[in-house]
Amino acid sequence: MKPAPDVRGPVDADALRAAVEAEHADALSLLGSSELLVALSGGDPDPASLLRAAADSEYAARETFREWAAATADPALRETFAAVADQEADHFRRVRAEMAADTAPAPERSGPMHAYLRGREDPIQQVAGGMVGRTLVSLRTHERLIDFFATAVRDDAVAHERAALFRDLRDETAACLDDGLGLLDERAEGDDWTAAEAVAGYTIRLAADDLRDALRG
């Protein structure tokens, strides 16, 4: 008689990340592909449209974490969410500095991923969605932007500075992912891990579906 398959979900943050990345490998691959740049730019990728899309993304993340920081009654979580909001505000300022003076962020471009995240009220789900699922998406975005500015405009010194900027943003986003995984290890237990995996995965799926919709449009 064959043994019953092991159907247990993740039991720690490393297992959670591995499970999410394995389950949503196709979505993450799409989010890290050249098609992302086409979707972000609305056609042929160009520096102005990609910077605008990056600024919109940082702005949306700032607003999500500001909302969570203001709403939570947990002092430690408030501090954590406020710190992420500050980081995203700094990211927004740094990307904005690379843009034309008459270009403004578009709050309505927050997209379905952030709309979903802002509807999460459970702290474990907020951390899993905002600091794990979202960061896994953002890391792929940063990689594509680095590649674009580092290679697509090979002899442009400004482009190389922008590639360096997105390398810094990627490294800081990776640190946010590590912080989120650490928080889950500290706080999650039992069924929390199942909920965390579901929310992180759905966050990635929404981002990928939004990309597909943009490409169809």
N, C-alpha and C. Protein backbone atom coordinates (compact mmCIF):
# COMPACT_ATOMS: atom_id res chain seq x y z
N MET A 1 0.85 -1.20 0.00
CA MET A 1 0.00 0.00 0.00
C MET A 1 0.88 1.24 0.00
N LYS A 2 0.61 2.17 -0.94
CA LYS A 2 1.41 3.37 -1.03
C LYS A 2 1.14 4.31 0.15
N PRO A 3 2.18 4.98 0.64
CA PRO A 3 1.93 5.95 1.71
C PRO A 3 1.13 7.14 1.18
N ALA A 4 0.36 7.75 2.07
CA ALA A 4 -0.43 8.92 1.68
C ALA A 4 0.51 10.05 1.32
N PRO A 5 0.16 10.84 0.28
CA PRO A 5 1.03 11.96 -0.09
C PRO A 5 1.08 13.00 1.01
N ASP A 6 2.21 13.69 1.09
CA ASP A 6 2.37 14.75 2.08
C ASP A 6 1.71 16.01 1.55
N VAL A 7 0.59 16.40 2.13
CA VAL A 7 -0.17 17.55 1.64
C VAL A 7 -0.05 18.74 2.59
N ARG A 8 0.89 18.67 3.49
CA ARG A 8 1.07 19.79 4.41
C ARG A 8 1.54 21.02 3.67
N GLY A 9 1.10 22.19 4.14
CA GLY A 9 1.57 23.44 3.58
C GLY A 9 2.87 23.84 4.22
N PRO A 10 3.32 25.06 3.93
CA PRO A 10 4.58 25.54 4.50
C PRO A 10 4.49 25.64 6.02
N VAL A 11 5.64 25.44 6.67
CA VAL A 11 5.68 25.50 8.13
C VAL A 11 6.66 26.56 8.61
N ASP A 12 7.32 27.21 7.68
CA ASP A 12 8.17 28.35 8.02
C ASP A 12 8.29 29.23 6.80
N ALA A 13 8.98 30.37 6.96
CA ALA A 13 9.01 31.36 5.89
C ALA A 13 9.78 30.88 4.67
N ASP A 14 10.87 30.16 4.87
CA ASP A 14 11.62 29.64 3.72
C ASP A 14 10.76 28.69 2.90
N ALA A 15 10.02 27.83 3.58
CA ALA A 15 9.14 26.90 2.88
C ALA A 15 8.01 27.65 2.17
N LEU A 16 7.52 28.70 2.81
CA LEU A 16 6.48 29.51 2.19
C LEU A 16 6.98 30.12 0.89
N ARG A 17 8.15 30.75 0.94
CA ARG A 17 8.67 31.37 -0.28
C ARG A 17 8.88 30.33 -1.37
N ALA A 18 9.45 29.19 -1.02
CA ALA A 18 9.70 28.15 -2.01
C ALA A 18 8.38 27.67 -2.62
N ALA A 19 7.36 27.50 -1.78
CA ALA A 19 6.07 27.01 -2.28
C ALA A 19 5.42 28.04 -3.20
N VAL A 20 5.47 29.31 -2.82
CA VAL A 20 4.85 30.36 -3.64
C VAL A 20 5.57 30.49 -4.97
N GLU A 21 6.90 30.48 -4.94
CA GLU A 21 7.65 30.63 -6.19
C GLU A 21 7.46 29.42 -7.11
N ALA A 22 7.31 28.24 -6.53
CA ALA A 22 7.08 27.05 -7.35
C ALA A 22 5.67 27.04 -7.93
N GLU A 23 4.69 27.36 -7.11
CA GLU A 23 3.30 27.32 -7.55
C GLU A 23 3.02 28.39 -8.61
N HIS A 24 3.70 29.52 -8.51
CA HIS A 24 3.42 30.65 -9.41
C HIS A 24 4.62 30.96 -10.30
N ALA A 25 5.34 29.92 -10.65
CA ALA A 25 6.55 30.10 -11.47
C ALA A 25 6.23 30.72 -12.82
N ASP A 26 5.13 30.31 -13.45
CA ASP A 26 4.79 30.85 -14.77
C ASP A 26 4.47 32.34 -14.67
N ALA A 27 3.71 32.72 -13.64
CA ALA A 27 3.36 34.13 -13.47
C ALA A 27 4.60 34.96 -13.19
N LEU A 28 5.47 34.46 -12.34
CA LEU A 28 6.70 35.20 -12.03
C LEU A 28 7.61 35.29 -13.25
N SER A 29 7.64 34.23 -14.06
CA SER A 29 8.43 34.26 -15.28
C SER A 29 7.90 35.33 -16.24
N LEU A 30 6.61 35.42 -16.38
CA LEU A 30 6.01 36.46 -17.22
C LEU A 30 6.35 37.84 -16.70
N LEU A 31 6.25 38.01 -15.38
CA LEU A 31 6.53 39.31 -14.77
C LEU A 31 7.99 39.70 -14.90
N GLY A 32 8.85 38.73 -15.13
CA GLY A 32 10.26 39.01 -15.32
C GLY A 32 10.69 38.98 -16.77
N SER A 33 9.73 38.97 -17.69
CA SER A 33 10.05 38.87 -19.11
C SER A 33 10.06 40.24 -19.77
N SER A 34 10.50 40.26 -21.01
CA SER A 34 10.51 41.52 -21.76
C SER A 34 9.11 42.03 -22.02
N GLU A 35 8.11 41.16 -21.96
CA GLU A 35 6.73 41.61 -22.15
C GLU A 35 6.29 42.58 -21.06
N LEU A 36 6.92 42.50 -19.91
CA LEU A 36 6.60 43.45 -18.85
C LEU A 36 6.86 44.88 -19.32
N LEU A 37 7.99 45.10 -19.98
CA LEU A 37 8.34 46.44 -20.43
C LEU A 37 7.35 46.95 -21.46
N VAL A 38 6.89 46.04 -22.33
CA VAL A 38 5.88 46.42 -23.32
C VAL A 38 4.60 46.85 -22.62
N ALA A 39 4.19 46.09 -21.61
CA ALA A 39 2.96 46.42 -20.88
C ALA A 39 3.10 47.73 -20.12
N LEU A 40 4.24 47.92 -19.45
CA LEU A 40 4.43 49.13 -18.65
C LEU A 40 4.46 50.38 -19.51
N SER A 41 4.95 50.25 -20.73
CA SER A 41 5.10 51.41 -21.60
C SER A 41 3.91 51.61 -22.53
N GLY A 42 3.03 50.63 -22.58
CA GLY A 42 1.90 50.74 -23.48
C GLY A 42 2.28 50.52 -24.93
N GLY A 43 3.40 49.87 -25.19
CA GLY A 43 3.85 49.62 -26.55
C GLY A 43 5.34 49.44 -26.58
N ASP A 44 6.02 50.26 -27.39
CA ASP A 44 7.48 50.19 -27.46
C ASP A 44 8.08 50.80 -26.21
N PRO A 45 8.89 50.05 -25.47
CA PRO A 45 9.48 50.57 -24.23
C PRO A 45 10.34 51.81 -24.49
N ASP A 46 10.14 52.83 -23.69
CA ASP A 46 10.96 54.02 -23.76
C ASP A 46 11.19 54.52 -22.34
N PRO A 47 12.28 55.25 -22.09
CA PRO A 47 12.63 55.64 -20.72
C PRO A 47 11.53 56.41 -20.00
N ALA A 48 10.89 57.37 -20.67
CA ALA A 48 9.90 58.21 -20.00
C ALA A 48 8.72 57.38 -19.49
N SER A 49 8.18 56.49 -20.33
CA SER A 49 7.01 55.71 -19.92
C SER A 49 7.38 54.69 -18.85
N LEU A 50 8.57 54.13 -18.92
CA LEU A 50 8.98 53.15 -17.91
C LEU A 50 9.22 53.82 -16.57
N LEU A 51 9.81 55.00 -16.58
CA LEU A 51 10.00 55.73 -15.33
C LEU A 51 8.65 56.12 -14.73
N ARG A 52 7.72 56.53 -15.55
CA ARG A 52 6.40 56.89 -15.05
C ARG A 52 5.71 55.68 -14.41
N ALA A 53 5.80 54.53 -15.07
CA ALA A 53 5.20 53.32 -14.51
C ALA A 53 5.87 52.93 -13.20
N ALA A 54 7.20 53.06 -13.13
CA ALA A 54 7.92 52.73 -11.89
C ALA A 54 7.52 53.67 -10.77
N ALA A 55 7.39 54.96 -11.08
CA ALA A 55 6.97 55.93 -10.06
C ALA A 55 5.57 55.64 -9.57
N ASP A 56 4.67 55.30 -10.49
CA ASP A 56 3.31 54.95 -10.09
C ASP A 56 3.31 53.76 -9.14
N SER A 57 4.16 52.78 -9.42
CA SER A 57 4.24 51.58 -8.58
C SER A 57 4.73 51.92 -7.18
N GLU A 58 5.77 52.73 -7.09
CA GLU A 58 6.30 53.12 -5.78
C GLU A 58 5.28 53.95 -5.00
N TYR A 59 4.59 54.83 -5.71
CA TYR A 59 3.56 55.66 -5.08
C TYR A 59 2.44 54.79 -4.52
N ALA A 60 2.00 53.81 -5.31
CA ALA A 60 0.93 52.92 -4.87
C ALA A 60 1.35 52.14 -3.63
N ALA A 61 2.58 51.64 -3.62
CA ALA A 61 3.07 50.88 -2.47
C ALA A 61 3.14 51.78 -1.23
N ARG A 62 3.60 53.00 -1.40
CA ARG A 62 3.65 53.93 -0.27
C ARG A 62 2.27 54.11 0.34
N GLU A 63 1.27 54.30 -0.50
CA GLU A 63 -0.09 54.53 0.00
C GLU A 63 -0.65 53.29 0.69
N THR A 64 -0.36 52.11 0.17
CA THR A 64 -0.84 50.88 0.80
C THR A 64 -0.28 50.75 2.21
N PHE A 65 1.03 50.94 2.36
CA PHE A 65 1.64 50.76 3.68
C PHE A 65 1.28 51.90 4.62
N ARG A 66 1.06 53.08 4.11
CA ARG A 66 0.58 54.17 4.95
C ARG A 66 -0.80 53.86 5.53
N GLU A 67 -1.67 53.30 4.68
CA GLU A 67 -3.00 52.92 5.16
C GLU A 67 -2.90 51.87 6.25
N TRP A 68 -2.07 50.87 6.04
CA TRP A 68 -1.93 49.80 7.04
C TRP A 68 -1.33 50.34 8.33
N ALA A 69 -0.34 51.20 8.23
CA ALA A 69 0.29 51.75 9.44
C ALA A 69 -0.72 52.56 10.23
N ALA A 70 -1.57 53.31 9.54
CA ALA A 70 -2.55 54.14 10.23
C ALA A 70 -3.66 53.32 10.86
N ALA A 71 -3.96 52.15 10.29
CA ALA A 71 -5.10 51.37 10.74
C ALA A 71 -4.77 50.37 11.84
N THR A 72 -3.52 49.93 11.95
CA THR A 72 -3.21 48.86 12.90
C THR A 72 -3.12 49.38 14.33
N ALA A 73 -3.56 48.55 15.27
CA ALA A 73 -3.44 48.88 16.69
C ALA A 73 -2.19 48.25 17.30
N ASP A 74 -1.44 47.51 16.50
CA ASP A 74 -0.24 46.82 16.97
C ASP A 74 0.96 47.75 16.79
N PRO A 75 1.58 48.20 17.88
CA PRO A 75 2.69 49.17 17.76
C PRO A 75 3.85 48.66 16.92
N ALA A 76 4.19 47.38 17.07
CA ALA A 76 5.32 46.84 16.30
C ALA A 76 5.00 46.81 14.82
N LEU A 77 3.78 46.40 14.48
CA LEU A 77 3.39 46.38 13.07
C LEU A 77 3.31 47.80 12.51
N ARG A 78 2.81 48.72 13.33
CA ARG A 78 2.73 50.11 12.88
C ARG A 78 4.12 50.62 12.52
N GLU A 79 5.09 50.30 13.35
CA GLU A 79 6.46 50.73 13.07
C GLU A 79 6.99 50.08 11.80
N THR A 80 6.71 48.79 11.64
CA THR A 80 7.17 48.08 10.45
C THR A 80 6.54 48.64 9.19
N PHE A 81 5.22 48.80 9.20
CA PHE A 81 4.53 49.29 8.01
C PHE A 81 4.93 50.74 7.71
N ALA A 82 5.11 51.54 8.73
CA ALA A 82 5.54 52.92 8.52
C ALA A 82 6.94 52.97 7.90
N ALA A 83 7.80 52.06 8.33
CA ALA A 83 9.16 52.01 7.78
C ALA A 83 9.13 51.62 6.30
N VAL A 84 8.27 50.66 5.94
CA VAL A 84 8.15 50.29 4.52
C VAL A 84 7.56 51.45 3.73
N ALA A 85 6.55 52.13 4.30
CA ALA A 85 5.97 53.30 3.62
C ALA A 85 7.04 54.36 3.38
N ASP A 86 7.89 54.59 4.37
CA ASP A 86 8.98 55.56 4.20
C ASP A 86 9.95 55.14 3.10
N GLN A 87 10.25 53.84 3.06
CA GLN A 87 11.15 53.34 2.02
C GLN A 87 10.53 53.53 0.64
N GLU A 88 9.23 53.23 0.53
CA GLU A 88 8.57 53.39 -0.76
C GLU A 88 8.47 54.87 -1.14
N ALA A 89 8.28 55.74 -0.15
CA ALA A 89 8.26 57.18 -0.43
C ALA A 89 9.63 57.63 -0.95
N ASP A 90 10.68 57.09 -0.36
CA ASP A 90 12.02 57.42 -0.82
C ASP A 90 12.25 56.89 -2.24
N HIS A 91 11.78 55.69 -2.51
CA HIS A 91 11.89 55.14 -3.86
C HIS A 91 11.15 56.04 -4.86
N PHE A 92 9.96 56.46 -4.47
CA PHE A 92 9.18 57.32 -5.35
C PHE A 92 9.93 58.63 -5.64
N ARG A 93 10.50 59.23 -4.61
CA ARG A 93 11.23 60.49 -4.80
C ARG A 93 12.43 60.29 -5.74
N ARG A 94 13.12 59.17 -5.57
CA ARG A 94 14.32 58.94 -6.39
C ARG A 94 13.97 58.66 -7.85
N VAL A 95 12.89 57.92 -8.08
CA VAL A 95 12.46 57.71 -9.47
C VAL A 95 11.90 59.00 -10.05
N ARG A 96 11.12 59.71 -9.24
CA ARG A 96 10.53 60.97 -9.69
C ARG A 96 11.60 61.97 -10.11
N ALA A 97 12.74 61.96 -9.45
CA ALA A 97 13.82 62.88 -9.78
C ALA A 97 14.38 62.64 -11.17
N GLU A 98 14.15 61.44 -11.73
CA GLU A 98 14.63 61.12 -13.07
C GLU A 98 13.63 61.50 -14.16
N MET A 99 12.48 62.00 -13.75
CA MET A 99 11.40 62.25 -14.70
C MET A 99 11.31 63.73 -15.04
N ALA A 100 10.60 64.01 -16.13
CA ALA A 100 10.37 65.39 -16.54
C ALA A 100 9.58 66.12 -15.46
N ALA A 101 9.83 67.41 -15.33
CA ALA A 101 9.22 68.19 -14.25
C ALA A 101 7.71 68.23 -14.33
N ASP A 102 7.15 68.13 -15.53
CA ASP A 102 5.69 68.24 -15.68
C ASP A 102 4.98 66.90 -15.60
N THR A 103 5.71 65.84 -15.19
CA THR A 103 5.11 64.51 -15.08
C THR A 103 4.73 64.25 -13.63
N ALA A 104 3.49 63.83 -13.41
CA ALA A 104 3.00 63.59 -12.06
C ALA A 104 2.57 62.14 -11.91
N PRO A 105 2.57 61.63 -10.67
CA PRO A 105 2.08 60.27 -10.46
C PRO A 105 0.59 60.18 -10.75
N ALA A 106 0.13 59.00 -11.03
CA ALA A 106 -1.29 58.78 -11.33
C ALA A 106 -1.86 57.82 -10.30
N PRO A 107 -2.45 58.33 -9.21
CA PRO A 107 -2.96 57.45 -8.16
C PRO A 107 -3.94 56.40 -8.67
N GLU A 108 -4.68 56.74 -9.73
CA GLU A 108 -5.65 55.78 -10.25
C GLU A 108 -4.98 54.58 -10.90
N ARG A 109 -3.65 54.64 -11.08
CA ARG A 109 -2.93 53.53 -11.68
C ARG A 109 -2.39 52.57 -10.62
N SER A 110 -2.96 52.60 -9.44
CA SER A 110 -2.52 51.67 -8.40
C SER A 110 -2.71 50.23 -8.82
N GLY A 111 -3.78 49.97 -9.59
CA GLY A 111 -3.98 48.65 -10.15
C GLY A 111 -4.65 47.67 -9.20
N PRO A 112 -5.05 46.52 -9.74
CA PRO A 112 -5.79 45.53 -8.95
C PRO A 112 -4.98 44.92 -7.81
N MET A 113 -3.66 44.81 -7.97
CA MET A 113 -2.86 44.21 -6.90
C MET A 113 -2.95 45.04 -5.64
N HIS A 114 -2.76 46.35 -5.74
CA HIS A 114 -2.82 47.18 -4.54
C HIS A 114 -4.24 47.35 -4.03
N ALA A 115 -5.22 47.32 -4.92
CA ALA A 115 -6.61 47.34 -4.47
C ALA A 115 -6.90 46.12 -3.60
N TYR A 116 -6.39 44.98 -4.03
CA TYR A 116 -6.55 43.75 -3.23
C TYR A 116 -5.82 43.86 -1.91
N LEU A 117 -4.57 44.31 -1.95
CA LEU A 117 -3.78 44.40 -0.72
C LEU A 117 -4.44 45.32 0.29
N ARG A 118 -4.97 46.44 -0.15
CA ARG A 118 -5.57 47.39 0.78
C ARG A 118 -6.84 46.86 1.43
N GLY A 119 -7.39 45.79 0.83
CA GLY A 119 -8.55 45.15 1.45
C GLY A 119 -8.20 44.11 2.50
N ARG A 120 -6.90 43.83 2.68
CA ARG A 120 -6.49 42.85 3.69
C ARG A 120 -6.45 43.54 5.05
N GLU A 121 -7.05 42.92 6.04
CA GLU A 121 -7.07 43.47 7.39
C GLU A 121 -6.31 42.62 8.39
N ASP A 122 -6.14 41.35 8.08
CA ASP A 122 -5.41 40.45 8.96
C ASP A 122 -3.90 40.72 8.83
N PRO A 123 -3.19 40.90 9.94
CA PRO A 123 -1.76 41.23 9.85
C PRO A 123 -0.93 40.20 9.10
N ILE A 124 -1.20 38.91 9.31
CA ILE A 124 -0.44 37.88 8.60
C ILE A 124 -0.65 38.01 7.10
N GLN A 125 -1.88 38.26 6.69
CA GLN A 125 -2.17 38.42 5.28
C GLN A 125 -1.54 39.69 4.72
N GLN A 126 -1.51 40.75 5.50
CA GLN A 126 -0.87 41.98 5.05
C GLN A 126 0.62 41.76 4.81
N VAL A 127 1.27 41.13 5.77
CA VAL A 127 2.70 40.87 5.62
C VAL A 127 2.95 39.94 4.43
N ALA A 128 2.15 38.87 4.33
CA ALA A 128 2.35 37.91 3.24
C ALA A 128 2.11 38.54 1.88
N GLY A 129 1.06 39.36 1.78
CA GLY A 129 0.76 39.98 0.50
C GLY A 129 1.67 41.14 0.18
N GLY A 130 1.88 42.03 1.15
CA GLY A 130 2.61 43.26 0.89
C GLY A 130 4.12 43.14 0.95
N MET A 131 4.61 42.24 1.81
CA MET A 131 6.06 42.15 2.01
C MET A 131 6.66 40.89 1.41
N VAL A 132 5.80 39.98 0.96
CA VAL A 132 6.31 38.77 0.30
C VAL A 132 5.82 38.73 -1.15
N GLY A 133 4.52 38.58 -1.36
CA GLY A 133 4.01 38.51 -2.73
C GLY A 133 4.36 39.73 -3.55
N ARG A 134 4.11 40.91 -3.02
CA ARG A 134 4.39 42.14 -3.76
C ARG A 134 5.88 42.31 -4.04
N THR A 135 6.71 41.99 -3.07
CA THR A 135 8.14 42.17 -3.30
C THR A 135 8.68 41.18 -4.32
N LEU A 136 8.14 39.97 -4.37
CA LEU A 136 8.56 39.03 -5.39
C LEU A 136 8.21 39.55 -6.79
N VAL A 137 7.08 40.25 -6.89
CA VAL A 137 6.73 40.91 -8.15
C VAL A 137 7.68 42.07 -8.43
N SER A 138 7.92 42.91 -7.43
CA SER A 138 8.75 44.10 -7.62
C SER A 138 10.17 43.75 -8.01
N LEU A 139 10.70 42.68 -7.43
CA LEU A 139 12.06 42.28 -7.78
C LEU A 139 12.18 41.95 -9.25
N ARG A 140 11.16 41.31 -9.83
CA ARG A 140 11.19 41.03 -11.26
C ARG A 140 11.11 42.31 -12.08
N THR A 141 10.26 43.25 -11.63
CA THR A 141 10.16 44.53 -12.33
C THR A 141 11.49 45.26 -12.33
N HIS A 142 12.13 45.31 -11.17
CA HIS A 142 13.41 45.99 -11.08
C HIS A 142 14.46 45.35 -11.98
N GLU A 143 14.46 44.03 -12.05
CA GLU A 143 15.42 43.34 -12.90
C GLU A 143 15.24 43.74 -14.37
N ARG A 144 14.00 43.81 -14.82
CA ARG A 144 13.76 44.18 -16.21
C ARG A 144 14.16 45.63 -16.46
N LEU A 145 13.89 46.52 -15.51
CA LEU A 145 14.26 47.92 -15.67
C LEU A 145 15.79 48.08 -15.67
N ILE A 146 16.46 47.33 -14.81
CA ILE A 146 17.93 47.35 -14.80
C ILE A 146 18.45 46.93 -16.17
N ASP A 147 17.91 45.84 -16.69
CA ASP A 147 18.35 45.33 -17.98
C ASP A 147 18.11 46.35 -19.08
N PHE A 148 16.94 46.99 -19.05
CA PHE A 148 16.62 47.98 -20.09
C PHE A 148 17.61 49.13 -20.07
N PHE A 149 17.82 49.71 -18.91
CA PHE A 149 18.68 50.89 -18.84
C PHE A 149 20.16 50.54 -18.98
N ALA A 150 20.52 49.33 -18.60
CA ALA A 150 21.94 48.94 -18.70
C ALA A 150 22.35 48.50 -20.09
N THR A 151 21.39 47.96 -20.87
CA THR A 151 21.76 47.38 -22.16
C THR A 151 21.02 47.97 -23.35
N ALA A 152 19.77 48.37 -23.15
CA ALA A 152 18.99 48.84 -24.30
C ALA A 152 19.51 50.17 -24.82
N VAL A 153 20.06 50.98 -23.94
CA VAL A 153 20.62 52.28 -24.34
C VAL A 153 22.08 52.25 -23.91
N ARG A 154 22.86 51.43 -24.57
CA ARG A 154 24.16 50.99 -24.09
C ARG A 154 25.14 52.13 -23.82
N ASP A 155 25.16 53.16 -24.65
CA ASP A 155 26.19 54.19 -24.54
C ASP A 155 25.69 55.48 -23.86
N ASP A 156 24.57 55.39 -23.20
CA ASP A 156 23.98 56.56 -22.57
C ASP A 156 24.35 56.59 -21.09
N ALA A 157 25.12 57.61 -20.66
CA ALA A 157 25.56 57.68 -19.27
C ALA A 157 24.37 57.84 -18.33
N VAL A 158 23.37 58.61 -18.73
CA VAL A 158 22.18 58.78 -17.90
C VAL A 158 21.47 57.45 -17.71
N ALA A 159 21.37 56.67 -18.78
CA ALA A 159 20.72 55.36 -18.68
C ALA A 159 21.46 54.47 -17.70
N HIS A 160 22.78 54.52 -17.71
CA HIS A 160 23.55 53.69 -16.78
C HIS A 160 23.34 54.14 -15.33
N GLU A 161 23.17 55.43 -15.11
CA GLU A 161 22.85 55.92 -13.77
C GLU A 161 21.48 55.42 -13.33
N ARG A 162 20.57 55.37 -14.27
CA ARG A 162 19.23 54.86 -13.94
C ARG A 162 19.27 53.36 -13.66
N ALA A 163 20.09 52.64 -14.37
CA ALA A 163 20.27 51.21 -14.08
C ALA A 163 20.80 51.04 -12.66
N ALA A 164 21.75 51.89 -12.27
CA ALA A 164 22.30 51.82 -10.90
C ALA A 164 21.23 52.14 -9.88
N LEU A 165 20.36 53.11 -10.20
CA LEU A 165 19.26 53.44 -9.30
C LEU A 165 18.38 52.22 -9.06
N PHE A 166 18.00 51.54 -10.13
CA PHE A 166 17.10 50.39 -9.96
C PHE A 166 17.81 49.20 -9.32
N ARG A 167 19.11 49.12 -9.44
CA ARG A 167 19.83 48.10 -8.66
C ARG A 167 19.69 48.38 -7.17
N ASP A 168 19.83 49.64 -6.80
CA ASP A 168 19.68 50.01 -5.38
C ASP A 168 18.26 49.72 -4.91
N LEU A 169 17.27 50.07 -5.71
CA LEU A 169 15.88 49.81 -5.32
C LEU A 169 15.63 48.31 -5.19
N ARG A 170 16.22 47.54 -6.10
CA ARG A 170 16.06 46.07 -6.03
C ARG A 170 16.65 45.55 -4.72
N ASP A 171 17.84 46.01 -4.35
CA ASP A 171 18.48 45.53 -3.13
C ASP A 171 17.66 45.90 -1.90
N GLU A 172 17.10 47.10 -1.89
CA GLU A 172 16.28 47.53 -0.75
C GLU A 172 14.96 46.77 -0.71
N THR A 173 14.42 46.44 -1.87
CA THR A 173 13.20 45.64 -1.93
C THR A 173 13.47 44.22 -1.45
N ALA A 174 14.64 43.67 -1.80
CA ALA A 174 15.01 42.34 -1.32
C ALA A 174 15.11 42.32 0.20
N ALA A 175 15.60 43.42 0.78
CA ALA A 175 15.67 43.50 2.25
C ALA A 175 14.27 43.53 2.85
N CYS A 176 13.33 44.20 2.17
CA CYS A 176 11.94 44.21 2.64
C CYS A 176 11.35 42.81 2.60
N LEU A 177 11.65 42.05 1.55
CA LEU A 177 11.21 40.66 1.48
C LEU A 177 11.75 39.86 2.66
N ASP A 178 13.03 40.02 2.95
CA ASP A 178 13.64 39.31 4.08
C ASP A 178 12.94 39.68 5.39
N ASP A 179 12.63 40.97 5.54
CA ASP A 179 11.94 41.41 6.76
C ASP A 179 10.55 40.78 6.86
N GLY A 180 9.87 40.71 5.73
CA GLY A 180 8.54 40.10 5.74
C GLY A 180 8.58 38.63 6.09
N LEU A 181 9.54 37.92 5.52
CA LEU A 181 9.70 36.50 5.85
C LEU A 181 10.03 36.32 7.32
N GLY A 182 10.88 37.20 7.85
CA GLY A 182 11.21 37.14 9.26
C GLY A 182 10.00 37.38 10.15
N LEU A 183 9.16 38.33 9.76
CA LEU A 183 7.93 38.59 10.53
C LEU A 183 7.02 37.38 10.54
N LEU A 184 6.90 36.73 9.40
CA LEU A 184 6.04 35.54 9.35
C LEU A 184 6.59 34.45 10.26
N ASP A 185 7.90 34.27 10.28
CA ASP A 185 8.48 33.28 11.18
C ASP A 185 8.18 33.62 12.64
N GLU A 186 8.15 34.89 12.96
CA GLU A 186 7.89 35.31 14.33
C GLU A 186 6.42 35.16 14.72
N ARG A 187 5.52 35.41 13.77
CA ARG A 187 4.11 35.57 14.12
C ARG A 187 3.19 34.45 13.65
N ALA A 188 3.52 33.78 12.56
CA ALA A 188 2.60 32.80 11.98
C ALA A 188 2.66 31.48 12.71
N GLU A 189 1.52 30.84 12.80
CA GLU A 189 1.44 29.50 13.39
C GLU A 189 0.21 28.80 12.82
N GLY A 190 0.28 27.49 12.78
CA GLY A 190 -0.87 26.70 12.33
C GLY A 190 -1.38 27.11 10.96
N ASP A 191 -2.69 27.39 10.90
CA ASP A 191 -3.34 27.72 9.64
C ASP A 191 -2.90 29.06 9.07
N ASP A 192 -2.19 29.86 9.86
CA ASP A 192 -1.68 31.13 9.33
C ASP A 192 -0.84 30.90 8.08
N TRP A 193 -0.08 29.80 8.06
CA TRP A 193 0.81 29.55 6.94
C TRP A 193 0.03 29.30 5.66
N THR A 194 -1.09 28.62 5.77
CA THR A 194 -1.93 28.36 4.60
C THR A 194 -2.50 29.67 4.06
N ALA A 195 -2.98 30.51 4.97
CA ALA A 195 -3.52 31.81 4.56
C ALA A 195 -2.43 32.69 3.95
N ALA A 196 -1.25 32.67 4.55
CA ALA A 196 -0.15 33.49 4.04
C ALA A 196 0.24 33.05 2.64
N GLU A 197 0.32 31.75 2.41
CA GLU A 197 0.68 31.24 1.09
C GLU A 197 -0.37 31.65 0.06
N ALA A 198 -1.65 31.55 0.45
CA ALA A 198 -2.73 31.88 -0.49
C ALA A 198 -2.70 33.36 -0.86
N VAL A 199 -2.49 34.22 0.12
CA VAL A 199 -2.50 35.67 -0.15
C VAL A 199 -1.28 36.08 -0.96
N ALA A 200 -0.11 35.58 -0.61
CA ALA A 200 1.09 35.91 -1.38
C ALA A 200 0.94 35.45 -2.83
N GLY A 201 0.43 34.24 -3.01
CA GLY A 201 0.25 33.72 -4.35
C GLY A 201 -0.79 34.50 -5.14
N TYR A 202 -1.89 34.87 -4.50
CA TYR A 202 -2.93 35.61 -5.21
C TYR A 202 -2.43 37.00 -5.60
N THR A 203 -1.60 37.60 -4.76
CA THR A 203 -1.01 38.89 -5.08
C THR A 203 -0.20 38.80 -6.37
N ILE A 204 0.59 37.75 -6.49
CA ILE A 204 1.39 37.54 -7.71
C ILE A 204 0.48 37.31 -8.90
N ARG A 205 -0.55 36.51 -8.70
CA ARG A 205 -1.46 36.20 -9.80
C ARG A 205 -2.15 37.45 -10.32
N LEU A 206 -2.56 38.32 -9.41
CA LEU A 206 -3.20 39.57 -9.82
C LEU A 206 -2.26 40.43 -10.66
N ALA A 207 -1.01 40.51 -10.23
CA ALA A 207 -0.03 41.29 -10.99
C ALA A 207 0.16 40.72 -12.38
N ALA A 208 0.24 39.40 -12.48
CA ALA A 208 0.42 38.76 -13.79
C ALA A 208 -0.81 38.94 -14.66
N ASP A 209 -2.00 38.81 -14.08
CA ASP A 209 -3.23 39.01 -14.85
C ASP A 209 -3.34 40.44 -15.34
N ASP A 210 -2.92 41.39 -14.51
CA ASP A 210 -2.94 42.79 -14.92
C ASP A 210 -2.00 43.02 -16.10
N LEU A 211 -0.84 42.37 -16.07
CA LEU A 211 0.11 42.46 -17.18
C LEU A 211 -0.52 41.88 -18.45
N ARG A 212 -1.15 40.73 -18.33
CA ARG A 212 -1.78 40.11 -19.52
C ARG A 212 -2.86 41.02 -20.08
N ASP A 213 -3.65 41.65 -19.19
CA ASP A 213 -4.70 42.55 -19.66
C ASP A 213 -4.09 43.73 -20.41
N ALA A 214 -2.98 44.26 -19.89
CA ALA A 214 -2.31 45.38 -20.55
C ALA A 214 -1.80 44.97 -21.92
N LEU A 215 -1.26 43.78 -22.03
CA LEU A 215 -0.76 43.32 -23.33
C LEU A 215 -1.91 43.13 -24.33
N ARG A 216 -3.05 42.61 -23.85
CA ARG A 216 -4.19 42.46 -24.74
C ARG A 216 -4.72 43.82 -25.17
N GLY A 217 -4.63 44.81 -24.26
CA GLY A 217 -5.13 46.14 -24.58
C GLY A 217 -4.25 46.87 -25.57
